[in-house]
Amino acid sequence: AYMTGILPIARSYPADSTLKSGDFIVDASGESLRAVFPPDASYSSGSELNMFSEYSMATEERFSEYFGFTEREVDMLYERYRRERKEPVRVTREGLKAWYDGYQTKGGERLYNPRSVVMSLSNNNLGNYWTSSDPYDEIFYYIKNNVDAVRDDIARMAAGEAVPAKVKEYAATSQELRTKEEILSAMVVYGFLSYEDGMVSIPNRELMEQFSEMIKKEASLGYVYRLAKESDRMLQATLAGDTGTMEQILESVHDTETPILSYNNETELSAVVNLVYLSARDCYRVVREEKAGKGFVDFIFYPELPPAKKGIILELKVDHSPQEAIDQIKERNYVLRFAGNAGQSGRTPRGILLVGIGYDRKTKKHCCRVEEITLPQ
């Protein structure tokens, strides 16, 4: 989007004029801060941009501090917000980090989305301030030319995982994104993904919401779309203890020819759980327990917004029964995680659902079990 501002400026220079090495253009109109300097560039000789250099915070240290707010700057803004706010403070420092952090410069400094931080503090509300009239179309623009190349990566990133990628210099005026490397590189350049140590990921909750919207609406994503589309029905069935419907949903979307649905490792287990419960993110904060163990994944759903009332602890276990999964939840005392996690509602849930999902590799069948416990007041 920043090209709409730069191209008219570039075209306005007479053909016989020269941009000196000290001239510069800075654009901060969107989700990233872009700086371009002449004269080195890889554009064609006929392009209006052949006099400019393009800088990305993922690949260049120069100017990287201008791409977003640093931790120190956000700390300063937050203290000012707390000091000067007359009405009750509703934004937490931890919330700012969860929603708008996640970017990293080549030099290793953490950066926040500047516009969203300012909007959140100004409005006294954590929320999605990503600028777009139709967010999911904006993301799909980058992947539409080769969905097959990035489908599994989208699924893993939607599960909160990072995926390997070779991020390379990307010409901002290019309209043809064909290879996986081109697609992911473009998404890093425009702020949809973050890049660190050869891996790309969805940087924060704000962007995760954008990806979720796209996943639930774009049928060309195949199994990723089918899992996400059933997520609201899966959540309602879980809350109702309707294990028959839960099993039916899992069976209907399961495709043994799709690698990520073969449950070969914890990353694949995590991806399936995240996709089939994608709608839960609208009212729950979903956290994966990182040290669960081999062959299973544990998730805790903290109620954040209405209509969520009950907490959920879920374990997906391969080649074990759902009762064994629930027994392990109890042994690990995961219910204690809800102490001090009242969420935005301000209340700690009394009712906790223990959800066990077992998958048998031989029969290729899922079995589910739901138990409810009540926390003491």
Protein backbone atom coordinates (compact mmCIF):
# COMPACT_ATOMS: atom_id res chain seq x y z
CA ALA A 1 0.00 0.00 0.00
CA TYR A 2 2.90 2.36 0.60
CA MET A 3 3.64 2.34 -3.14
CA THR A 4 0.57 4.53 -3.76
CA GLY A 5 2.36 7.30 -1.90
CA ILE A 6 5.83 6.79 -3.33
CA LEU A 7 5.05 6.24 -7.02
CA PRO A 8 3.43 9.67 -7.57
CA ILE A 9 6.44 11.32 -5.91
CA ALA A 10 8.87 9.33 -8.03
CA ARG A 11 6.94 10.15 -11.21
CA SER A 12 6.84 13.84 -10.32
CA TYR A 13 10.61 14.18 -10.74
CA PRO A 14 11.55 15.48 -14.23
CA ALA A 15 13.25 12.96 -16.47
CA ASP A 16 16.52 14.89 -16.42
CA SER A 17 16.54 15.40 -12.64
CA THR A 18 18.67 13.52 -10.15
CA LEU A 19 17.86 12.47 -6.61
CA LYS A 20 20.88 13.15 -4.44
CA SER A 21 22.15 10.58 -1.96
CA GLY A 22 20.78 12.68 0.90
CA ASP A 23 17.19 12.75 -0.40
CA PHE A 24 14.75 10.38 1.19
CA ILE A 25 11.10 9.43 1.43
CA VAL A 26 9.55 7.94 4.55
CA ASP A 27 6.09 6.37 4.58
CA ALA A 28 4.22 5.49 7.76
CA SER A 29 0.70 5.24 6.38
CA GLY A 30 0.12 1.56 7.04
CA GLU A 31 1.21 -1.16 9.39
CA SER A 32 4.89 -0.69 8.75
CA LEU A 33 7.30 2.18 8.46
CA ARG A 34 9.10 2.19 5.14
CA ALA A 35 12.20 4.18 4.16
CA VAL A 36 13.62 4.24 0.64
CA PHE A 37 16.89 5.82 -0.47
CA PRO A 38 18.56 6.17 -3.87
CA PRO A 39 20.44 5.09 -5.85
CA ASP A 40 20.90 1.27 -5.63
CA ALA A 41 17.96 -0.93 -6.65
CA SER A 42 17.18 -4.09 -8.58
CA TYR A 43 14.22 -2.69 -10.51
CA SER A 44 14.24 -2.58 -14.29
CA SER A 45 15.77 0.44 -15.99
CA GLY A 46 12.32 1.51 -17.17
CA SER A 47 10.80 1.54 -13.72
CA GLU A 48 10.10 4.77 -11.85
CA LEU A 49 11.71 3.06 -8.86
CA ASN A 50 15.09 2.27 -10.38
CA MET A 51 16.64 5.10 -8.34
CA PHE A 52 15.50 3.75 -4.98
CA SER A 53 16.75 1.20 -2.47
CA GLU A 54 14.24 -0.76 -0.45
CA TYR A 55 14.87 -1.62 3.20
CA SER A 56 13.23 -4.41 5.16
CA MET A 57 13.68 -4.79 8.90
CA ALA A 58 14.00 -8.56 8.42
CA THR A 59 17.06 -8.31 6.19
CA GLU A 60 18.68 -4.94 6.94
CA GLU A 61 19.76 -3.37 10.24
CA ARG A 62 19.86 0.14 8.82
CA PHE A 63 16.79 2.20 9.79
CA SER A 64 15.31 -0.85 11.57
CA GLU A 65 14.40 1.15 14.69
CA TYR A 66 11.95 3.20 12.61
CA PHE A 67 9.75 0.28 11.62
CA GLY A 68 7.79 0.22 14.88
CA PHE A 69 7.77 1.05 18.58
CA THR A 70 10.50 -0.51 20.71
CA GLU A 71 9.89 -2.05 24.14
CA ARG A 72 11.23 1.11 25.79
CA GLU A 73 8.95 3.35 23.76
CA VAL A 74 5.89 1.24 24.58
CA ASP A 75 6.84 1.31 28.28
CA MET A 76 6.99 5.11 28.15
CA LEU A 77 3.65 5.38 26.34
CA TYR A 78 1.99 2.98 28.75
CA GLU A 79 3.18 4.85 31.83
CA ARG A 80 1.89 8.09 30.33
CA TYR A 81 -1.43 6.39 29.58
CA ARG A 82 -1.79 5.17 33.17
CA ARG A 83 -0.80 8.54 34.59
CA GLU A 84 -3.07 10.69 32.44
CA ARG A 85 -6.12 8.47 31.95
CA LYS A 86 -9.09 9.83 33.89
CA GLU A 87 -11.43 6.86 33.49
CA PRO A 88 -10.55 3.32 34.71
CA VAL A 89 -7.54 1.82 32.93
CA ARG A 90 -8.63 -1.14 30.77
CA VAL A 91 -5.44 -1.84 28.84
CA THR A 92 -2.67 -3.90 30.44
CA ARG A 93 1.00 -3.84 29.49
CA GLU A 94 0.84 -7.62 29.00
CA GLY A 95 -2.12 -7.12 26.69
CA LEU A 96 -0.19 -4.70 24.50
CA LYS A 97 2.54 -7.30 24.12
CA ALA A 98 0.14 -10.12 23.25
CA TRP A 99 -1.82 -8.06 20.73
CA TYR A 100 0.78 -5.90 18.99
CA ASP A 101 4.32 -7.23 19.64
CA GLY A 102 5.95 -10.01 17.68
CA TYR A 103 8.17 -8.28 15.14
CA GLN A 104 11.94 -8.45 15.30
CA THR A 105 14.62 -6.49 13.48
CA LYS A 106 17.69 -8.10 11.96
CA GLY A 107 19.59 -6.77 14.98
CA GLY A 108 17.28 -8.63 17.37
CA GLU A 109 15.23 -5.72 18.76
CA ARG A 110 11.54 -6.35 19.44
CA LEU A 111 9.06 -4.04 17.72
CA TYR A 112 5.36 -3.29 18.13
CA ASN A 113 2.78 -2.21 15.56
CA PRO A 114 2.86 1.57 16.22
CA ARG A 115 -0.58 2.48 14.94
CA SER A 116 -2.32 -0.24 16.92
CA VAL A 117 -0.52 0.64 20.16
CA VAL A 118 -1.56 4.27 19.80
CA MET A 119 -5.17 3.37 18.94
CA SER A 120 -5.42 0.93 21.83
CA LEU A 121 -4.19 3.43 24.41
CA SER A 122 -6.25 6.26 22.93
CA ASN A 123 -9.42 4.16 22.95
CA ASN A 124 -8.66 2.53 26.32
CA ASN A 125 -9.34 -0.84 24.75
CA LEU A 126 -7.35 -3.82 23.50
CA GLY A 127 -8.62 -4.82 20.09
CA ASN A 128 -7.90 -5.26 16.42
CA TYR A 129 -6.86 -2.00 14.79
CA TRP A 130 -5.24 -3.46 11.69
CA THR A 131 -6.22 -1.16 8.82
CA SER A 132 -8.20 -2.82 6.06
CA SER A 133 -11.71 -2.66 4.68
CA ASP A 134 -11.69 -6.42 4.09
CA PRO A 135 -8.86 -8.04 6.09
CA TYR A 136 -8.99 -11.62 4.87
CA ASP A 137 -8.95 -10.59 1.19
CA GLU A 138 -5.82 -8.56 1.92
CA ILE A 139 -4.02 -11.64 3.25
CA PHE A 140 -5.40 -13.95 0.56
CA TYR A 141 -4.02 -11.60 -2.11
CA TYR A 142 -0.54 -12.83 -1.28
CA ILE A 143 -1.28 -16.56 -1.40
CA LYS A 144 -3.94 -16.83 -4.11
CA ASN A 145 -1.51 -17.62 -6.95
CA ASN A 146 -0.18 -20.78 -5.29
CA VAL A 147 -2.32 -21.88 -2.35
CA ASP A 148 -0.95 -25.43 -2.55
CA ALA A 149 2.57 -24.21 -1.77
CA VAL A 150 1.66 -22.57 1.53
CA ARG A 151 -1.47 -24.43 2.74
CA ASP A 152 0.33 -26.60 5.31
CA ASP A 153 2.45 -23.65 6.44
CA ILE A 154 -0.69 -21.55 6.99
CA ALA A 155 -2.15 -24.38 9.09
CA ARG A 156 0.97 -24.65 11.25
CA MET A 157 1.28 -20.89 11.70
CA ALA A 158 -2.39 -20.64 12.65
CA ALA A 159 -1.53 -23.16 15.37
CA GLY A 160 1.08 -20.76 16.70
CA GLU A 161 4.06 -22.56 15.18
CA ALA A 162 6.93 -21.04 13.20
CA VAL A 163 7.83 -22.52 9.81
CA PRO A 164 11.16 -22.44 7.96
CA ALA A 165 11.44 -19.93 5.13
CA LYS A 166 14.07 -18.28 2.98
CA VAL A 167 13.12 -14.63 3.12
CA LYS A 168 14.64 -12.74 0.23
CA GLU A 169 14.58 -9.22 -1.14
CA TYR A 170 11.21 -8.61 -2.70
CA ALA A 171 10.36 -5.94 -5.26
CA ALA A 172 7.43 -4.04 -3.80
CA THR A 173 5.88 -3.37 -7.21
CA SER A 174 5.75 -7.07 -8.15
CA GLN A 175 2.29 -8.48 -8.80
CA GLU A 176 3.27 -12.09 -9.46
CA LEU A 177 3.89 -14.16 -6.34
CA ARG A 178 4.32 -17.76 -7.42
CA THR A 179 6.75 -19.65 -5.22
CA LYS A 180 6.51 -20.32 -1.51
CA GLU A 181 9.58 -18.14 -0.93
CA GLU A 182 8.09 -15.20 -2.83
CA ILE A 183 4.76 -15.45 -1.00
CA LEU A 184 6.24 -15.67 2.49
CA SER A 185 8.85 -12.99 1.73
CA ALA A 186 6.16 -10.57 0.60
CA MET A 187 4.10 -11.24 3.71
CA VAL A 188 7.13 -10.49 5.88
CA VAL A 189 7.82 -7.24 4.00
CA TYR A 190 4.25 -6.03 4.47
CA GLY A 191 4.04 -6.97 8.14
CA PHE A 192 1.70 -9.97 8.01
CA LEU A 193 4.44 -12.32 9.22
CA SER A 194 7.49 -11.90 11.43
CA TYR A 195 10.91 -13.37 10.63
CA GLU A 196 13.48 -14.66 13.07
CA ASP A 197 16.41 -17.06 12.66
CA GLY A 198 15.20 -18.52 9.38
CA MET A 199 11.61 -19.01 10.59
CA VAL A 200 8.42 -17.08 9.89
CA SER A 201 5.34 -16.90 12.10
CA ILE A 202 2.17 -14.93 12.74
CA PRO A 203 3.50 -12.24 15.08
CA ASN A 204 0.64 -11.46 17.46
CA ARG A 205 -3.02 -11.79 18.37
CA GLU A 206 -4.04 -8.93 16.10
CA LEU A 207 -2.66 -10.68 13.02
CA MET A 208 -3.86 -14.09 14.22
CA GLU A 209 -7.41 -12.71 14.04
CA GLN A 210 -6.82 -11.58 10.46
CA PHE A 211 -5.56 -15.02 9.44
CA SER A 212 -8.48 -16.68 11.23
CA GLU A 213 -10.97 -14.64 9.23
CA MET A 214 -9.27 -15.56 5.98
CA ILE A 215 -9.07 -19.26 6.86
CA LYS A 216 -12.77 -19.47 7.70
CA LYS A 217 -13.81 -17.87 4.39
CA GLU A 218 -11.46 -19.18 1.71
CA ALA A 219 -12.54 -22.62 0.43
CA SER A 220 -9.44 -23.04 -1.76
CA LEU A 221 -7.46 -23.75 1.44
CA GLY A 222 -9.00 -27.23 1.41
CA TYR A 223 -8.74 -29.16 4.67
CA VAL A 224 -7.62 -26.02 6.53
CA TYR A 225 -10.88 -24.32 5.52
CA ARG A 226 -13.01 -27.39 6.29
CA LEU A 227 -11.59 -27.72 9.81
CA ALA A 228 -12.01 -24.02 10.55
CA LYS A 229 -15.54 -23.88 9.12
CA GLU A 230 -16.65 -26.56 11.57
CA SER A 231 -15.00 -24.83 14.52
CA ASP A 232 -18.10 -23.05 15.82
CA ARG A 233 -20.10 -26.29 15.76
CA MET A 234 -17.20 -28.09 17.44
CA LEU A 235 -17.08 -25.53 20.26
CA GLN A 236 -20.83 -25.69 20.84
CA ALA A 237 -20.75 -29.50 20.86
CA THR A 238 -17.89 -29.45 23.38
CA LEU A 239 -19.71 -27.04 25.69
CA ALA A 240 -22.80 -29.27 25.50
CA GLY A 241 -20.82 -32.47 26.10
CA ASP A 242 -22.04 -33.83 22.74
CA THR A 243 -19.20 -36.26 22.06
CA GLY A 244 -21.03 -37.87 19.15
CA THR A 245 -21.04 -34.61 17.20
CA MET A 246 -17.43 -33.94 18.15
CA GLU A 247 -16.36 -37.33 16.78
CA GLN A 248 -18.45 -36.85 13.64
CA ILE A 249 -16.81 -33.48 12.92
CA LEU A 250 -13.30 -34.87 13.37
CA GLU A 251 -14.06 -37.85 11.12
CA SER A 252 -15.67 -35.72 8.40
CA VAL A 253 -12.59 -33.55 7.93
CA HIS A 254 -9.94 -36.20 8.47
CA ASP A 255 -7.95 -37.06 5.36
CA THR A 256 -5.16 -39.59 5.84
CA GLU A 257 -3.48 -38.39 2.63
CA THR A 258 -2.96 -34.95 4.13
CA PRO A 259 0.35 -35.05 6.05
CA ILE A 260 -0.66 -32.65 8.80
CA LEU A 261 -3.69 -34.81 9.67
CA SER A 262 -1.57 -37.93 10.15
CA TYR A 263 -0.65 -36.86 13.71
CA ASN A 264 3.02 -37.70 13.22
CA ASN A 265 4.24 -35.16 15.78
CA GLU A 266 3.06 -32.65 18.35
CA THR A 267 3.11 -29.80 15.81
CA GLU A 268 0.54 -31.58 13.68
CA LEU A 269 -1.57 -32.40 16.73
CA SER A 270 -1.46 -28.76 17.74
CA ALA A 271 -2.43 -27.56 14.25
CA VAL A 272 -5.53 -29.77 14.17
CA VAL A 273 -6.71 -28.66 17.63
CA ASN A 274 -6.19 -24.98 16.78
CA LEU A 275 -8.06 -25.22 13.50
CA VAL A 276 -11.01 -27.26 14.73
CA TYR A 277 -11.44 -24.84 17.66
CA LEU A 278 -10.62 -21.69 15.68
CA SER A 279 -13.91 -19.98 16.62
CA ALA A 280 -13.06 -20.33 20.31
CA ARG A 281 -10.54 -17.49 19.91
CA ASP A 282 -13.42 -15.04 19.61
CA CYS A 283 -14.16 -15.36 23.33
CA TYR A 284 -11.34 -17.51 24.78
CA ARG A 285 -7.62 -17.04 25.19
CA VAL A 286 -6.24 -20.37 23.99
CA VAL A 287 -2.85 -21.39 25.40
CA ARG A 288 -0.86 -24.50 24.54
CA GLU A 289 1.12 -26.17 27.31
CA GLU A 290 4.59 -26.38 25.79
CA LYS A 291 5.92 -29.22 27.98
CA ALA A 292 3.02 -31.61 27.66
CA GLY A 293 5.02 -34.57 26.30
CA LYS A 294 5.44 -36.82 23.29
CA GLY A 295 2.35 -38.05 21.47
CA PHE A 296 -0.15 -35.59 22.91
CA VAL A 297 -0.91 -31.89 23.20
CA ASP A 298 -2.62 -29.98 25.98
CA PHE A 299 -4.57 -26.75 25.58
CA ILE A 300 -6.19 -24.47 28.14
CA PHE A 301 -9.08 -22.20 27.10
CA TYR A 302 -9.38 -19.17 29.38
CA PRO A 303 -12.76 -17.36 29.11
CA GLU A 304 -12.06 -13.78 28.07
CA LEU A 305 -15.28 -12.33 26.67
CA PRO A 306 -19.01 -13.15 26.67
CA PRO A 307 -20.56 -15.59 25.99
CA ALA A 308 -17.68 -17.72 27.32
CA LYS A 309 -18.34 -18.79 30.90
CA LYS A 310 -16.73 -22.19 31.41
CA GLY A 311 -13.03 -22.86 31.20
CA ILE A 312 -11.82 -25.73 29.02
CA ILE A 313 -8.81 -28.02 29.39
CA LEU A 314 -8.29 -30.21 26.33
CA GLU A 315 -5.88 -33.01 25.56
CA LEU A 316 -5.50 -34.77 22.22
CA LYS A 317 -3.70 -38.07 22.61
CA VAL A 318 -2.62 -40.55 19.92
CA ASP A 319 -3.15 -44.30 20.43
CA HIS A 320 -4.71 -43.76 23.86
CA SER A 321 -8.29 -43.50 25.06
CA PRO A 322 -9.98 -40.18 25.84
CA GLN A 323 -10.34 -41.31 29.46
CA GLU A 324 -6.56 -41.66 29.68
CA ALA A 325 -6.26 -38.12 28.36
CA ILE A 326 -8.63 -36.81 31.05
CA ASP A 327 -6.80 -38.77 33.75
CA GLN A 328 -3.56 -37.12 32.68
CA ILE A 329 -5.20 -33.68 32.82
CA LYS A 330 -6.16 -34.39 36.42
CA GLU A 331 -2.72 -35.73 37.33
CA ARG A 332 -1.06 -32.57 36.01
CA ASN A 333 -3.40 -30.32 38.04
CA TYR A 334 -4.10 -28.08 35.06
CA VAL A 335 -7.18 -26.70 36.83
CA LEU A 336 -4.81 -24.67 39.00
CA ARG A 337 -3.94 -22.62 35.90
CA PHE A 338 -7.26 -20.83 36.24
CA ALA A 339 -6.29 -19.30 39.59
CA GLY A 340 -5.50 -15.65 38.93
CA ASN A 341 -6.61 -15.83 35.28
CA ALA A 342 -9.90 -13.99 35.43
CA GLY A 343 -9.65 -12.65 31.88
CA GLN A 344 -11.34 -9.49 30.66
CA SER A 345 -14.60 -10.56 32.31
CA GLY A 346 -12.96 -10.08 35.71
CA ARG A 347 -14.24 -13.43 36.96
CA THR A 348 -12.50 -16.77 37.42
CA PRO A 349 -14.70 -19.50 35.91
CA ARG A 350 -16.22 -21.97 38.37
CA GLY A 351 -17.09 -24.60 35.79
CA ILE A 352 -14.19 -26.33 34.02
CA LEU A 353 -14.65 -28.81 31.17
CA LEU A 354 -12.06 -31.58 30.89
CA VAL A 355 -11.96 -32.71 27.26
CA GLY A 356 -10.15 -35.86 26.17
CA ILE A 357 -9.73 -36.73 22.48
CA GLY A 358 -8.13 -40.01 21.52
CA TYR A 359 -7.04 -41.04 18.03
CA ASP A 360 -6.34 -44.66 17.04
CA ARG A 361 -3.84 -44.97 14.18
CA LYS A 362 -5.00 -48.51 13.30
CA THR A 363 -8.72 -47.80 13.05
CA LYS A 364 -8.21 -44.14 12.12
CA LYS A 365 -11.01 -43.23 14.50
CA HIS A 366 -11.43 -40.45 17.05
CA CYS A 367 -13.08 -40.92 20.42
CA CYS A 368 -14.07 -38.02 22.69
CA ARG A 369 -15.03 -37.61 26.32
CA VAL A 370 -16.09 -34.53 28.29
CA GLU A 371 -16.25 -34.18 32.07
CA GLU A 372 -17.18 -31.09 34.07
CA ILE A 373 -15.74 -30.15 37.42
CA THR A 374 -16.63 -27.21 39.67
CA LEU A 375 -13.98 -25.09 41.31
CA PRO A 376 -14.59 -24.18 44.96
CA GLN A 377 -15.58 -20.59 45.61
